[in-house]
PDB file of N, CA and C in Angstrom:
ATOM      1  N   MET A   1      89.809  69.569  98.919  1.00  0.00           N
ATOM      2  CA  MET A   1      90.878  69.196  98.026  1.00  0.00           C
ATOM      3  C   MET A   1      92.101  70.063  98.338  1.00  0.00           C
ATOM      4  N   ARG A   2      93.227  69.425  98.535  1.00  0.00           N
ATOM      5  CA  ARG A   2      94.445  70.153  98.876  1.00  0.00           C
ATOM      6  C   ARG A   2      95.107  70.717  97.625  1.00  0.00           C
ATOM      7  N   TYR A   3      95.789  71.834  97.844  1.00  0.00           N
ATOM      8  CA  TYR A   3      96.510  72.463  96.741  1.00  0.00           C
ATOM      9  C   TYR A   3      97.779  71.674  96.481  1.00  0.00           C
ATOM     10  N   ASN A   4      98.032  71.324  95.256  1.00  0.00           N
ATOM     11  CA  ASN A   4      99.185  70.518  94.884  1.00  0.00           C
ATOM     12  C   ASN A   4     100.420  71.419  94.808  1.00  0.00           C
ATOM     13  N   SER A   5     101.377  71.234  95.694  1.00  0.00           N
ATOM     14  CA  SER A   5     102.550  72.098  95.742  1.00  0.00           C
ATOM     15  C   SER A   5     103.506  71.846  94.578  1.00  0.00           C
ATOM     16  N   SER A   6     103.433  70.671  93.955  1.00  0.00           N
ATOM     17  CA  SER A   6     104.305  70.414  92.809  1.00  0.00           C
ATOM     18  C   SER A   6     103.911  71.274  91.616  1.00  0.00           C
ATOM     19  N   VAL A   7     102.630  71.570  91.483  1.00  0.00           N
ATOM     20  CA  VAL A   7     102.167  72.450  90.407  1.00  0.00           C
ATOM     21  C   VAL A   7     102.689  73.854  90.658  1.00  0.00           C
ATOM     22  N   LYS A   8     102.657  74.288  91.907  1.00  0.00           N
ATOM     23  CA  LYS A   8     103.151  75.615  92.253  1.00  0.00           C
ATOM     24  C   LYS A   8     104.638  75.730  91.949  1.00  0.00           C
ATOM     25  N   LYS A   9     105.393  74.714  92.232  1.00  0.00           N
ATOM     26  CA  LYS A   9     106.832  74.734  91.980  1.00  0.00           C
ATOM     27  C   LYS A   9     107.138  74.745  90.484  1.00  0.00           C
ATOM     28  N   ALA A  10     106.280  74.136  89.681  1.00  0.00           N
ATOM     29  CA  ALA A  10     106.516  74.053  88.241  1.00  0.00           C
ATOM     30  C   ALA A  10     106.398  75.418  87.571  1.00  0.00           C
ATOM     31  N   PHE A  11     105.604  76.333  88.153  1.00  0.00           N
ATOM     32  CA  PHE A  11     105.362  77.629  87.521  1.00  0.00           C
ATOM     33  C   PHE A  11     106.145  78.766  88.155  1.00  0.00           C
ATOM     34  N   ILE A  12     107.022  78.491  89.077  1.00  0.00           N
ATOM     35  CA  ILE A  12     107.811  79.552  89.699  1.00  0.00           C
ATOM     36  C   ILE A  12     108.780  80.142  88.679  1.00  0.00           C
ATOM     37  N   GLY A  13     108.746  81.453  88.493  1.00  0.00           N
ATOM     38  CA  GLY A  13     109.654  82.144  87.592  1.00  0.00           C
ATOM     39  C   GLY A  13     109.236  82.139  86.134  1.00  0.00           C
ATOM     40  N   LYS A  14     108.126  81.526  85.812  1.00  0.00           N
ATOM     41  CA  LYS A  14     107.663  81.504  84.422  1.00  0.00           C
ATOM     42  C   LYS A  14     106.567  82.552  84.234  1.00  0.00           C
ATOM     43  N   ALA A  15     106.592  83.174  83.099  1.00  0.00           N
ATOM     44  CA  ALA A  15     105.603  84.203  82.803  1.00  0.00           C
ATOM     45  C   ALA A  15     104.257  83.556  82.492  1.00  0.00           C
ATOM     46  N   VAL A  16     103.217  84.194  82.983  1.00  0.00           N
ATOM     47  CA  VAL A  16     101.861  83.731  82.715  1.00  0.00           C
ATOM     48  C   VAL A  16     101.425  84.343  81.389  1.00  0.00           C
ATOM     49  N   PRO A  17     100.899  83.547  80.472  1.00  0.00           N
ATOM     50  CA  PRO A  17     100.469  84.116  79.184  1.00  0.00           C
ATOM     51  C   PRO A  17      99.337  85.121  79.378  1.00  0.00           C
ATOM     52  N   LYS A  18      99.406  86.213  78.642  1.00  0.00           N
ATOM     53  CA  LYS A  18      98.413  87.279  78.753  1.00  0.00           C
ATOM     54  C   LYS A  18      97.209  86.937  77.887  1.00  0.00           C
ATOM     55  N   THR A  19      96.035  87.097  78.457  1.00  0.00           N
ATOM     56  CA  THR A  19      94.806  86.890  77.708  1.00  0.00           C
ATOM     57  C   THR A  19      94.413  88.209  77.071  1.00  0.00           C
ATOM     58  N   VAL A  20      94.233  88.210  75.760  1.00  0.00           N
ATOM     59  CA  VAL A  20      93.906  89.424  75.028  1.00  0.00           C
ATOM     60  C   VAL A  20      92.504  89.272  74.456  1.00  0.00           C
ATOM     61  N   ASP A  21      91.631  90.232  74.785  1.00  0.00           N
ATOM     62  CA  ASP A  21      90.288  90.237  74.221  1.00  0.00           C
ATOM     63  C   ASP A  21      90.343  90.841  72.833  1.00  0.00           C
ATOM     64  N   THR A  22      89.709  90.172  71.895  1.00  0.00           N
ATOM     65  CA  THR A  22      89.751  90.645  70.514  1.00  0.00           C
ATOM     66  C   THR A  22      88.344  90.744  69.934  1.00  0.00           C
ATOM     67  N   ILE A  23      88.244  91.509  68.864  1.00  0.00           N
ATOM     68  CA  ILE A  23      87.008  91.650  68.095  1.00  0.00           C
ATOM     69  C   ILE A  23      87.319  91.220  66.673  1.00  0.00           C
ATOM     70  N   LYS A  24      86.440  90.416  66.089  1.00  0.00           N
ATOM     71  CA  LYS A  24      86.638  90.005  64.696  1.00  0.00           C
ATOM     72  C   LYS A  24      85.840  90.950  63.799  1.00  0.00           C
ATOM     73  N   PHE A  25      86.534  91.571  62.855  1.00  0.00           N
ATOM     74  CA  PHE A  25      85.909  92.498  61.919  1.00  0.00           C
ATOM     75  C   PHE A  25      86.580  92.332  60.569  1.00  0.00           C
ATOM     76  N   ASN A  26      85.809  92.062  59.530  1.00  0.00           N
ATOM     77  CA  ASN A  26      86.343  91.858  58.175  1.00  0.00           C
ATOM     78  C   ASN A  26      87.398  90.760  58.146  1.00  0.00           C
ATOM     79  N   ASN A  27      87.127  89.678  58.827  1.00  0.00           N
ATOM     80  CA  ASN A  27      88.033  88.529  58.916  1.00  0.00           C
ATOM     81  C   ASN A  27      89.391  88.885  59.496  1.00  0.00           C
ATOM     82  N   ARG A  28      89.449  89.924  60.321  1.00  0.00           N
ATOM     83  CA  ARG A  28      90.665  90.300  61.041  1.00  0.00           C
ATOM     84  C   ARG A  28      90.327  90.407  62.515  1.00  0.00           C
ATOM     85  N   TYR A  29      91.316  90.158  63.350  1.00  0.00           N
ATOM     86  CA  TYR A  29      91.125  90.276  64.782  1.00  0.00           C
ATOM     87  C   TYR A  29      91.808  91.541  65.282  1.00  0.00           C
ATOM     88  N   PHE A  30      91.071  92.336  66.073  1.00  0.00           N
ATOM     89  CA  PHE A  30      91.589  93.582  66.626  1.00  0.00           C
ATOM     90  C   PHE A  30      91.524  93.512  68.145  1.00  0.00           C
ATOM     91  N   ASP A  31      92.540  94.039  68.792  1.00  0.00           N
ATOM     92  CA  ASP A  31      92.583  94.108  70.245  1.00  0.00           C
ATOM     93  C   ASP A  31      91.560  95.143  70.722  1.00  0.00           C
ATOM     94  N   ILE A  32      90.789  94.806  71.740  1.00  0.00           N
ATOM     95  CA  ILE A  32      89.733  95.699  72.223  1.00  0.00           C
ATOM     96  C   ILE A  32      90.317  97.004  72.752  1.00  0.00           C
ATOM     97  N   GLU A  33      91.453  96.953  73.427  1.00  0.00           N
ATOM     98  CA  GLU A  33      92.063  98.182  73.954  1.00  0.00           C
ATOM     99  C   GLU A  33      92.456  99.130  72.830  1.00  0.00           C
ATOM    100  N   THR A  34      92.973  98.586  71.740  1.00  0.00           N
ATOM    101  CA  THR A  34      93.343  99.418  70.588  1.00  0.00           C
ATOM    102  C   THR A  34      92.102 100.058  69.976  1.00  0.00           C
ATOM    103  N   VAL A  35      91.025  99.281  69.870  1.00  0.00           N
ATOM    104  CA  VAL A  35      89.783  99.803  69.310  1.00  0.00           C
ATOM    105  C   VAL A  35      89.240 100.926  70.188  1.00  0.00           C
ATOM    106  N   LYS A  36      89.294 100.756  71.514  1.00  0.00           N
ATOM    107  CA  LYS A  36      88.813 101.795  72.429  1.00  0.00           C
ATOM    108  C   LYS A  36      89.638 103.071  72.301  1.00  0.00           C
ATOM    109  N   GLU A  37      90.966 102.930  72.200  1.00  0.00           N
ATOM    110  CA  GLU A  37      91.820 104.107  72.071  1.00  0.00           C
ATOM    111  C   GLU A  37      91.551 104.852  70.775  1.00  0.00           C
ATOM    112  N   LYS A  38      91.413 104.132  69.673  1.00  0.00           N
ATOM    113  CA  LYS A  38      91.161 104.780  68.384  1.00  0.00           C
ATOM    114  C   LYS A  38      89.772 105.411  68.355  1.00  0.00           C
ATOM    115  N   ALA A  39      88.780 104.743  68.929  1.00  0.00           N
ATOM    116  CA  ALA A  39      87.424 105.302  68.967  1.00  0.00           C
ATOM    117  C   ALA A  39      87.383 106.567  69.808  1.00  0.00           C
ATOM    118  N   THR A  40      88.104 106.584  70.917  1.00  0.00           N
ATOM    119  CA  THR A  40      88.164 107.776  71.757  1.00  0.00           C
ATOM    120  C   THR A  40      88.802 108.929  71.001  1.00  0.00           C
ATOM    121  N   GLY A  41      89.851 108.665  70.259  1.00  0.00           N
ATOM    122  CA  GLY A  41      90.509 109.697  69.464  1.00  0.00           C
ATOM    123  C   GLY A  41      89.609 110.245  68.380  1.00  0.00           C
ATOM    124  N   ILE A  42      88.899 109.377  67.693  1.00  0.00           N
ATOM    125  CA  ILE A  42      87.999 109.807  66.613  1.00  0.00           C
ATOM    126  C   ILE A  42      86.857 110.644  67.177  1.00  0.00           C
ATOM    127  N   ILE A  43      86.281 110.204  68.291  1.00  0.00           N
ATOM    128  CA  ILE A  43      85.168 110.947  68.893  1.00  0.00           C
ATOM    129  C   ILE A  43      85.630 112.315  69.382  1.00  0.00           C
ATOM    130  N   SER A  44      86.805 112.375  69.983  1.00  0.00           N
ATOM    131  CA  SER A  44      87.289 113.670  70.470  1.00  0.00           C
ATOM    132  C   SER A  44      87.579 114.621  69.313  1.00  0.00           C
ATOM    133  N   VAL A  45      88.105 114.127  68.207  1.00  0.00           N
ATOM    134  CA  VAL A  45      88.352 114.975  67.030  1.00  0.00           C
ATOM    135  C   VAL A  45      87.033 115.475  66.454  1.00  0.00           C
ATOM    136  N   LEU A  46      86.017 114.606  66.405  1.00  0.00           N
ATOM    137  CA  LEU A  46      84.708 115.035  65.897  1.00  0.00           C
ATOM    138  C   LEU A  46      84.100 116.120  66.778  1.00  0.00           C
ATOM    139  N   ILE A  47      84.193 115.957  68.088  1.00  0.00           N
ATOM    140  CA  ILE A  47      83.640 116.957  69.006  1.00  0.00           C
ATOM    141  C   ILE A  47      84.370 118.286  68.852  1.00  0.00           C
ATOM    142  N   LEU A  48      85.698 118.240  68.787  1.00  0.00           N
ATOM    143  CA  LEU A  48      86.468 119.475  68.641  1.00  0.00           C
ATOM    144  C   LEU A  48      86.187 120.169  67.307  1.00  0.00           C
ATOM    145  N   SER A  49      86.024 119.383  66.239  1.00  0.00           N
ATOM    146  CA  SER A  49      85.732 119.997  64.940  1.00  0.00           C
ATOM    147  C   SER A  49      84.334 120.604  64.919  1.00  0.00           C
ATOM    148  N   CYS A  50      83.378 119.973  65.603  1.00  0.00           N
ATOM    149  CA  CYS A  50      82.033 120.550  65.687  1.00  0.00           C
ATOM    150  C   CYS A  50      82.057 121.847  66.481  1.00  0.00           C
ATOM    151  N   ILE A  51      82.797 121.881  67.567  1.00  0.00           N
ATOM    152  CA  ILE A  51      82.913 123.109  68.360  1.00  0.00           C
ATOM    153  C   ILE A  51      83.554 124.216  67.526  1.00  0.00           C
ATOM    154  N   ALA A  52      84.574 123.880  66.769  1.00  0.00           N
ATOM    155  CA  ALA A  52      85.238 124.879  65.931  1.00  0.00           C
ATOM    156  C   ALA A  52      84.298 125.384  64.840  1.00  0.00           C
ATOM    157  N   ALA A  53      83.519 124.492  64.238  1.00  0.00           N
ATOM    158  CA  ALA A  53      82.595 124.900  63.177  1.00  0.00           C
ATOM    159  C   ALA A  53      81.492 125.804  63.726  1.00  0.00           C
ATOM    160  N   PHE A  54      80.925 125.448  64.866  1.00  0.00           N
ATOM    161  CA  PHE A  54      79.858 126.272  65.436  1.00  0.00           C
ATOM    162  C   PHE A  54      80.382 127.617  65.899  1.00  0.00           C
ATOM    163  N   SER A  55      81.582 127.655  66.441  1.00  0.00           N
ATOM    164  CA  SER A  55      82.134 128.939  66.866  1.00  0.00           C
ATOM    165  C   SER A  55      82.437 129.817  65.649  1.00  0.00           C
ATOM    166  N   PHE A  56      82.825 129.218  64.547  1.00  0.00           N
ATOM    167  CA  PHE A  56      83.053 129.990  63.312  1.00  0.00           C
ATOM    168  C   PHE A  56      81.753 130.605  62.815  1.00  0.00           C
ATOM    169  N   PHE A  57      80.649 129.831  62.859  1.00  0.00           N
ATOM    170  CA  PHE A  57      79.355 130.368  62.412  1.00  0.00           C
ATOM    171  C   PHE A  57      78.841 131.475  63.335  1.00  0.00           C
ATOM    172  N   PHE A  58      79.138 131.411  64.603  1.00  0.00           N
ATOM    173  CA  PHE A  58      78.687 132.454  65.524  1.00  0.00           C
ATOM    174  C   PHE A  58      79.471 133.755  65.329  1.00  0.00           C
ATOM    175  N   PHE A  59      80.716 133.661  64.863  1.00  0.00           N
ATOM    176  CA  PHE A  59      81.505 134.875  64.647  1.00  0.00           C
ATOM    177  C   PHE A  59      81.115 135.588  63.376  1.00  0.00           C
ATOM    178  N   ILE A  60      80.465 134.893  62.460  1.00  0.00           N
ATOM    179  CA  ILE A  60      80.082 135.510  61.179  1.00  0.00           C
ATOM    180  C   ILE A  60      78.860 136.344  61.333  1.00  0.00           C
TER     181      ILE A  60
END
């Protein structure tokens, strides 16, 4: 099957719509990249707070 050149000409200079992966939670849709960024931030804060708490107990 040959590639139709008229289709190629129709899309020259037009932006391709971006496909966004989402997660449905509580009847809301969230972008997966946003969820990953927030989860990474929460996990890093938890790890840092645990390290701070354990170091405080070792100094006592």
